[in-house]
């Protein structure tokens, strides 16, 4: 198989590229290195059949040649983080909506057999139902969640109108080696690991009872592969562990002193994906236990020594931006 991975130098994308190569496939990687890094592909075997093109996927004319002869497209390129999307909505719309439409149209013109899209569970906002099924109505609280959901709608629309075979995976809280060490609003894993690597206290916002549905990156890659080889069309699947863990328990596994900060309003107390559908339809289920995944992250702690440390002052600054947004709603 000849696969194309947009965002293939990123956290999840680079793991997917490695898996595809290990399975004997050739891979075309498109990335503009806005958030990805070349070194994320450094562990590929010598002579691996991987072609890297540095390009912005929103530039349709520039990406079209890369789609020739491709069998399946994995579309992971995009901008993440909630707070930056609030201050730069056009940038997020261009990357996550315009980029997706450009990829879909390039895939259509090249007669690509299948497209698998990396969607976001942020489309659920703060839902009424836990565990949250795919049938839950979207609550798009931020430009980031809107843009990722709009990208998913574009995928389903192109599949409906043009007959492209497609599936969308709504990812929950993905963690693992190579996760981003920078960001204007850090995810809890990155915050804690950078603090641990620098010997700083771990900062828990609130009392730590909030829970997140953490799912390990190798399990996420397995879900992408399962979706690619399936003939199930125009379906949306949650990709989660289905077993949320508290922030306080994560801090305990990482170890070290803890500092508590005031809770931010407007954040969910829990994320919990219902994975009944993906288990039944694709035969996928998570394999990496949370404790095992955290242990792997700690084995890669040196990767976080160059990451900026989230001090209480820096977290307060991000919180003020969060509050400013809430005050305008």
Protein backbone atom coordinates (compact mmCIF):
# COMPACT_ATOMS: atom_id res chain seq x y z
CA UNK A 1 0.00 0.00 0.00
CA UNK A 2 1.08 3.56 -0.67
CA UNK A 3 -0.11 5.77 2.18
CA UNK A 4 -0.05 9.54 2.60
CA UNK A 5 0.11 11.00 6.11
CA UNK A 6 -0.50 14.70 6.58
CA UNK A 7 1.13 15.95 9.76
CA UNK A 8 3.45 12.95 9.62
CA UNK A 9 6.21 14.76 11.53
CA UNK A 10 3.87 15.40 14.44
CA UNK A 11 3.28 13.44 17.62
CA UNK A 12 0.64 10.96 16.47
CA UNK A 13 1.53 11.20 12.79
CA UNK A 14 5.15 10.13 13.29
CA UNK A 15 4.06 7.05 15.25
CA UNK A 16 1.62 6.22 12.47
CA UNK A 17 4.36 6.58 9.83
CA UNK A 18 6.56 4.20 11.82
CA UNK A 19 3.78 1.65 12.06
CA UNK A 20 3.00 1.84 8.33
CA UNK A 21 6.67 1.35 7.43
CA UNK A 22 6.90 -1.60 9.82
CA UNK A 23 3.89 -3.12 8.06
CA UNK A 24 5.72 -2.90 4.72
CA UNK A 25 3.99 0.13 3.20
CA UNK A 26 5.54 3.12 1.47
CA UNK A 27 4.62 6.49 2.95
CA UNK A 28 4.38 10.05 1.70
CA UNK A 29 4.57 12.59 4.53
CA UNK A 30 3.26 16.15 4.18
CA UNK A 31 4.14 18.59 6.97
CA UNK A 32 4.96 22.28 7.29
CA UNK A 33 6.70 21.74 10.66
CA UNK A 34 4.43 24.29 12.34
CA UNK A 35 4.09 21.87 15.23
CA UNK A 36 5.84 18.75 13.90
CA UNK A 37 9.57 18.04 13.99
CA UNK A 38 11.86 16.28 11.52
CA UNK A 39 13.53 14.42 14.35
CA UNK A 40 10.26 12.62 15.10
CA UNK A 41 11.07 10.45 12.07
CA UNK A 42 14.69 9.80 13.00
CA UNK A 43 13.99 6.32 14.36
CA UNK A 44 12.79 5.01 11.01
CA UNK A 45 15.00 2.26 9.62
CA UNK A 46 17.68 3.24 7.13
CA UNK A 47 16.30 3.27 3.61
CA UNK A 48 12.68 3.32 4.78
CA UNK A 49 10.32 4.07 1.85
CA UNK A 50 9.29 7.47 3.19
CA UNK A 51 9.13 10.70 1.23
CA UNK A 52 8.87 13.95 3.21
CA UNK A 53 7.53 17.06 1.50
CA UNK A 54 7.55 20.31 3.46
CA UNK A 55 4.29 21.97 2.50
CA UNK A 56 1.24 23.62 4.02
CA UNK A 57 -1.70 21.31 3.33
CA UNK A 58 -3.99 24.32 2.89
CA UNK A 59 -2.03 25.15 -0.32
CA UNK A 60 -4.02 23.01 -2.72
CA UNK A 61 -1.89 23.43 -5.83
CA UNK A 62 1.26 22.59 -3.86
CA UNK A 63 -0.04 19.33 -2.42
CA UNK A 64 -1.77 17.87 -5.49
CA UNK A 65 1.34 16.13 -6.96
CA UNK A 66 1.91 14.18 -3.72
CA UNK A 67 -1.44 12.38 -4.03
CA UNK A 68 -0.67 10.60 -7.31
CA UNK A 69 -0.66 6.84 -6.83
CA UNK A 70 -1.75 7.02 -3.18
CA UNK A 71 -4.13 4.33 -1.87
CA UNK A 72 -5.10 5.79 1.50
CA UNK A 73 -4.80 9.22 3.11
CA UNK A 74 -4.46 9.70 6.85
CA UNK A 75 -5.25 13.35 7.54
CA UNK A 76 -3.72 14.39 10.85
CA UNK A 77 -2.32 17.84 9.98
CA UNK A 78 -3.83 20.75 11.87
CA UNK A 79 -3.49 23.18 14.74
CA UNK A 80 -4.30 22.13 18.29
CA UNK A 81 -4.85 23.98 21.60
CA UNK A 82 -7.94 25.84 22.72
CA UNK A 83 -6.70 29.21 23.97
CA UNK A 84 -4.67 30.16 20.85
CA UNK A 85 -7.72 29.40 18.73
CA UNK A 86 -9.70 31.98 20.70
CA UNK A 87 -7.27 34.74 19.80
CA UNK A 88 -6.49 33.49 16.25
CA UNK A 89 -9.70 31.96 14.85
CA UNK A 90 -8.86 32.66 11.20
CA UNK A 91 -5.55 30.83 11.50
CA UNK A 92 -7.31 27.80 12.96
CA UNK A 93 -10.04 27.88 10.35
CA UNK A 94 -7.50 28.00 7.53
CA UNK A 95 -5.47 25.10 8.91
CA UNK A 96 -8.21 22.81 10.19
CA UNK A 97 -11.03 23.53 7.75
CA UNK A 98 -9.33 24.91 4.65
CA UNK A 99 -6.52 22.38 4.97
CA UNK A 100 -8.98 19.51 5.27
CA UNK A 101 -10.97 20.62 2.23
CA UNK A 102 -7.76 20.93 0.20
CA UNK A 103 -6.69 17.42 1.22
CA UNK A 104 -10.12 15.99 0.38
CA UNK A 105 -10.19 17.60 -3.03
CA UNK A 106 -6.64 16.46 -3.81
CA UNK A 107 -7.63 12.94 -2.74
CA UNK A 108 -10.74 13.08 -4.93
CA UNK A 109 -8.85 14.23 -7.99
CA UNK A 110 -6.25 11.50 -7.48
CA UNK A 111 -8.96 8.84 -6.98
CA UNK A 112 -7.60 7.86 -3.58
CA UNK A 113 -9.44 4.81 -2.27
CA UNK A 114 -9.89 5.90 1.35
CA UNK A 115 -9.46 8.85 3.72
CA UNK A 116 -9.18 8.56 7.51
CA UNK A 117 -9.56 11.83 9.41
CA UNK A 118 -8.21 12.72 12.86
CA UNK A 119 -11.15 14.46 14.53
CA UNK A 120 -11.38 15.73 18.10
CA UNK A 121 -13.54 14.79 21.06
CA UNK A 122 -13.56 18.51 21.91
CA UNK A 123 -16.65 18.70 19.68
CA UNK A 124 -18.63 17.30 22.64
CA UNK A 125 -17.82 20.30 24.83
CA UNK A 126 -19.25 19.50 28.27
CA UNK A 127 -21.76 16.79 27.40
CA UNK A 128 -24.75 15.59 29.40
CA UNK A 129 -23.95 11.90 28.95
CA UNK A 130 -20.96 9.89 30.23
CA UNK A 131 -19.53 7.79 28.76
CA UNK A 132 -20.14 9.99 25.72
CA UNK A 133 -21.31 8.22 22.53
CA UNK A 134 -20.78 9.41 18.98
CA UNK A 135 -24.49 10.32 18.72
CA UNK A 136 -24.05 13.13 21.24
CA UNK A 137 -24.94 16.54 19.79
CA UNK A 138 -21.91 18.79 19.34
CA UNK A 139 -21.28 21.67 21.73
CA UNK A 140 -18.65 23.75 20.00
CA UNK A 141 -17.29 26.00 22.73
CA UNK A 142 -14.14 27.28 21.03
CA UNK A 143 -12.83 28.00 17.52
CA UNK A 144 -10.57 24.95 17.80
CA UNK A 145 -13.44 22.56 18.49
CA UNK A 146 -15.54 24.22 15.79
CA UNK A 147 -12.76 23.95 13.20
CA UNK A 148 -12.07 20.27 13.92
CA UNK A 149 -15.79 19.47 13.80
CA UNK A 150 -16.19 21.45 10.57
CA UNK A 151 -13.28 19.47 9.10
CA UNK A 152 -15.08 16.27 10.03
CA UNK A 153 -18.26 17.52 8.36
CA UNK A 154 -16.25 18.25 5.23
CA UNK A 155 -14.92 14.68 5.23
CA UNK A 156 -18.43 13.25 5.52
CA UNK A 157 -19.73 15.68 2.89
CA UNK A 158 -17.04 14.79 0.35
CA UNK A 159 -17.77 11.13 1.03
CA UNK A 160 -21.48 11.66 0.45
CA UNK A 161 -21.26 13.88 -2.62
CA UNK A 162 -18.20 12.46 -4.37
CA UNK A 163 -18.23 8.86 -3.21
CA UNK A 164 -14.90 9.00 -1.34
CA UNK A 165 -14.64 6.17 1.17
CA UNK A 166 -13.97 7.82 4.53
CA UNK A 167 -14.00 7.42 8.29
CA UNK A 168 -13.45 9.89 11.13
CA UNK A 169 -11.80 9.15 14.47
CA UNK A 170 -12.65 11.42 17.39
CA UNK A 171 -9.54 11.29 19.54
CA UNK A 172 -9.69 11.79 23.29
CA UNK A 173 -6.67 12.58 25.49
CA UNK A 174 -3.79 11.01 23.54
CA UNK A 175 -0.42 10.64 25.28
CA UNK A 176 2.88 8.94 24.58
CA UNK A 177 6.48 9.61 23.51
CA UNK A 178 7.02 12.59 21.19
CA UNK A 179 3.98 14.45 22.48
CA UNK A 180 4.45 18.18 22.10
CA UNK A 181 6.70 19.93 24.60
CA UNK A 182 5.47 23.41 23.72
CA UNK A 183 2.12 25.09 23.47
CA UNK A 184 0.29 28.14 24.64
CA UNK A 185 -1.97 26.05 26.82
CA UNK A 186 -0.33 22.84 27.87
CA UNK A 187 -2.04 19.50 28.28
CA UNK A 188 -1.61 18.04 31.73
CA UNK A 189 0.88 15.33 30.66
CA UNK A 190 3.21 17.86 29.08
CA UNK A 191 2.94 20.23 32.03
CA UNK A 192 3.73 17.51 34.56
CA UNK A 193 6.60 15.93 32.62
CA UNK A 194 8.36 19.23 32.02
CA UNK A 195 8.01 20.07 35.69
CA UNK A 196 9.33 16.66 36.76
CA UNK A 197 12.26 16.88 34.31
CA UNK A 198 13.29 20.23 35.84
CA UNK A 199 12.70 19.19 39.45
CA UNK A 200 9.81 21.64 39.85
CA UNK A 201 6.61 20.88 41.78
CA UNK A 202 3.72 19.47 39.78
CA UNK A 203 0.91 22.03 39.50
CA UNK A 204 -2.60 20.65 39.89
CA UNK A 205 -5.36 23.04 38.91
CA UNK A 206 -8.28 22.42 41.26
CA UNK A 207 -8.26 19.49 43.65
CA UNK A 208 -7.09 16.94 41.08
CA UNK A 209 -10.33 14.97 41.09
CA UNK A 210 -11.04 15.91 37.45
CA UNK A 211 -10.69 12.93 35.15
CA UNK A 212 -9.42 12.58 31.60
CA UNK A 213 -9.82 9.69 29.19
CA UNK A 214 -6.14 9.12 28.44
CA UNK A 215 -5.38 6.81 25.52
CA UNK A 216 -1.87 5.73 24.57
CA UNK A 217 -0.52 6.67 21.16
CA UNK A 218 0.15 3.11 19.98
CA UNK A 219 -3.50 2.27 20.60
CA UNK A 220 -4.52 5.34 18.61
CA UNK A 221 -2.28 4.27 15.72
CA UNK A 222 -3.92 0.85 15.82
CA UNK A 223 -7.31 2.55 15.47
CA UNK A 224 -6.14 4.44 12.38
CA UNK A 225 -4.89 1.24 10.79
CA UNK A 226 -8.13 -0.58 11.62
CA UNK A 227 -10.17 2.25 10.10
CA UNK A 228 -8.03 2.28 6.95
CA UNK A 229 -8.44 -1.41 6.16
CA UNK A 230 -12.14 -1.48 7.01
CA UNK A 231 -14.82 -1.09 4.35
CA UNK A 232 -17.07 0.76 6.81
CA UNK A 233 -17.91 4.07 5.17
CA UNK A 234 -18.94 7.52 6.42
CA UNK A 235 -18.80 6.57 10.08
CA UNK A 236 -17.49 8.41 13.12
CA UNK A 237 -15.73 6.58 15.96
CA UNK A 238 -14.55 7.58 19.41
CA UNK A 239 -10.96 6.60 20.17
CA UNK A 240 -10.48 6.52 23.94
CA UNK A 241 -9.50 4.18 26.72
CA UNK A 242 -13.02 4.16 28.14
CA UNK A 243 -11.42 4.27 31.61
CA UNK A 244 -10.83 7.89 32.75
CA UNK A 245 -8.04 8.62 35.23
CA UNK A 246 -7.85 11.48 37.69
CA UNK A 247 -5.24 14.20 37.38
CA UNK A 248 -4.29 13.48 40.99
CA UNK A 249 -3.59 9.82 40.18
CA UNK A 250 -1.45 10.87 37.22
CA UNK A 251 0.56 13.16 39.49
CA UNK A 252 1.03 10.27 41.90
CA UNK A 253 2.42 8.03 39.17
CA UNK A 254 4.80 10.71 37.91
CA UNK A 255 5.93 11.49 41.44
CA UNK A 256 7.29 14.55 43.22
CA UNK A 257 5.89 17.44 45.25
CA UNK A 258 2.58 19.00 44.22
CA UNK A 259 1.29 22.58 44.22
CA UNK A 260 -2.45 23.24 43.97
CA UNK A 261 -3.87 26.18 42.01
CA UNK A 262 -7.45 27.51 41.78
CA UNK A 263 -9.75 25.62 39.45
CA UNK A 264 -10.60 27.17 36.08
CA UNK A 265 -14.30 27.52 35.25
CA UNK A 266 -15.64 26.21 31.98
CA UNK A 267 -13.54 23.05 31.90
CA UNK A 268 -15.14 19.61 32.03
CA UNK A 269 -14.77 17.65 35.24
CA UNK A 270 -14.42 14.51 33.17
CA UNK A 271 -13.88 13.28 29.62
CA UNK A 272 -15.08 9.74 29.06
CA UNK A 273 -15.50 8.28 25.61
CA UNK A 274 -17.97 5.51 24.89
CA UNK A 275 -15.99 3.05 22.76
CA UNK A 276 -18.77 0.51 22.28
CA UNK A 277 -19.11 1.35 18.58
CA UNK A 278 -15.44 1.07 17.61
CA UNK A 279 -15.13 -2.19 19.54
CA UNK A 280 -18.15 -3.65 17.73
CA UNK A 281 -17.59 -2.30 14.23
CA UNK A 282 -13.79 -2.19 13.85
CA UNK A 283 -12.84 -4.78 16.46
CA UNK A 284 -10.54 -2.23 18.11
CA UNK A 285 -9.89 -1.97 21.81
CA UNK A 286 -7.15 -0.24 23.83
CA UNK A 287 -4.33 -2.47 25.00
CA UNK A 288 -1.96 -0.23 26.99
CA UNK A 289 -2.88 0.14 30.64
CA UNK A 290 -2.56 3.61 32.09
CA UNK A 291 0.20 2.67 34.54
CA UNK A 292 2.19 1.06 31.73
CA UNK A 293 1.80 4.11 29.53
CA UNK A 294 2.95 6.49 32.25
CA UNK A 295 5.98 4.28 32.88
CA UNK A 296 6.91 4.56 29.18
CA UNK A 297 6.58 8.34 29.38
CA UNK A 298 8.92 8.44 32.36
CA UNK A 299 11.47 6.41 30.37
CA UNK A 300 11.50 9.34 27.92
CA UNK A 301 11.76 12.04 30.59
CA UNK A 302 14.97 13.42 29.10
CA UNK A 303 12.95 14.57 26.09
CA UNK A 304 11.33 17.14 28.36
CA UNK A 305 14.51 18.74 29.72
CA UNK A 306 14.49 21.39 26.98
CA UNK A 307 10.77 22.05 27.33
CA UNK A 308 9.59 25.28 28.99
CA UNK A 309 8.41 24.76 32.53
CA UNK A 310 4.85 25.69 33.37
CA UNK A 311 5.34 27.77 36.51
CA UNK A 312 2.33 28.83 38.61
CA UNK A 313 2.78 32.34 37.17
CA UNK A 314 2.64 31.06 33.59
CA UNK A 315 -0.46 29.02 34.37
CA UNK A 316 -2.08 32.09 35.93
CA UNK A 317 -1.37 34.04 32.72
CA UNK A 318 -3.07 31.34 30.64
CA UNK A 319 -5.94 31.28 33.10
CA UNK A 320 -6.43 35.03 32.76
CA UNK A 321 -6.76 34.61 29.00
CA UNK A 322 -9.28 31.86 29.66
CA UNK A 323 -11.25 34.11 32.02
CA UNK A 324 -11.15 36.98 29.52
CA UNK A 325 -12.76 34.73 26.92
CA UNK A 326 -15.43 33.53 29.34
CA UNK A 327 -16.28 37.12 30.25
CA UNK A 328 -17.11 37.88 26.61
CA UNK A 329 -19.48 34.93 26.20
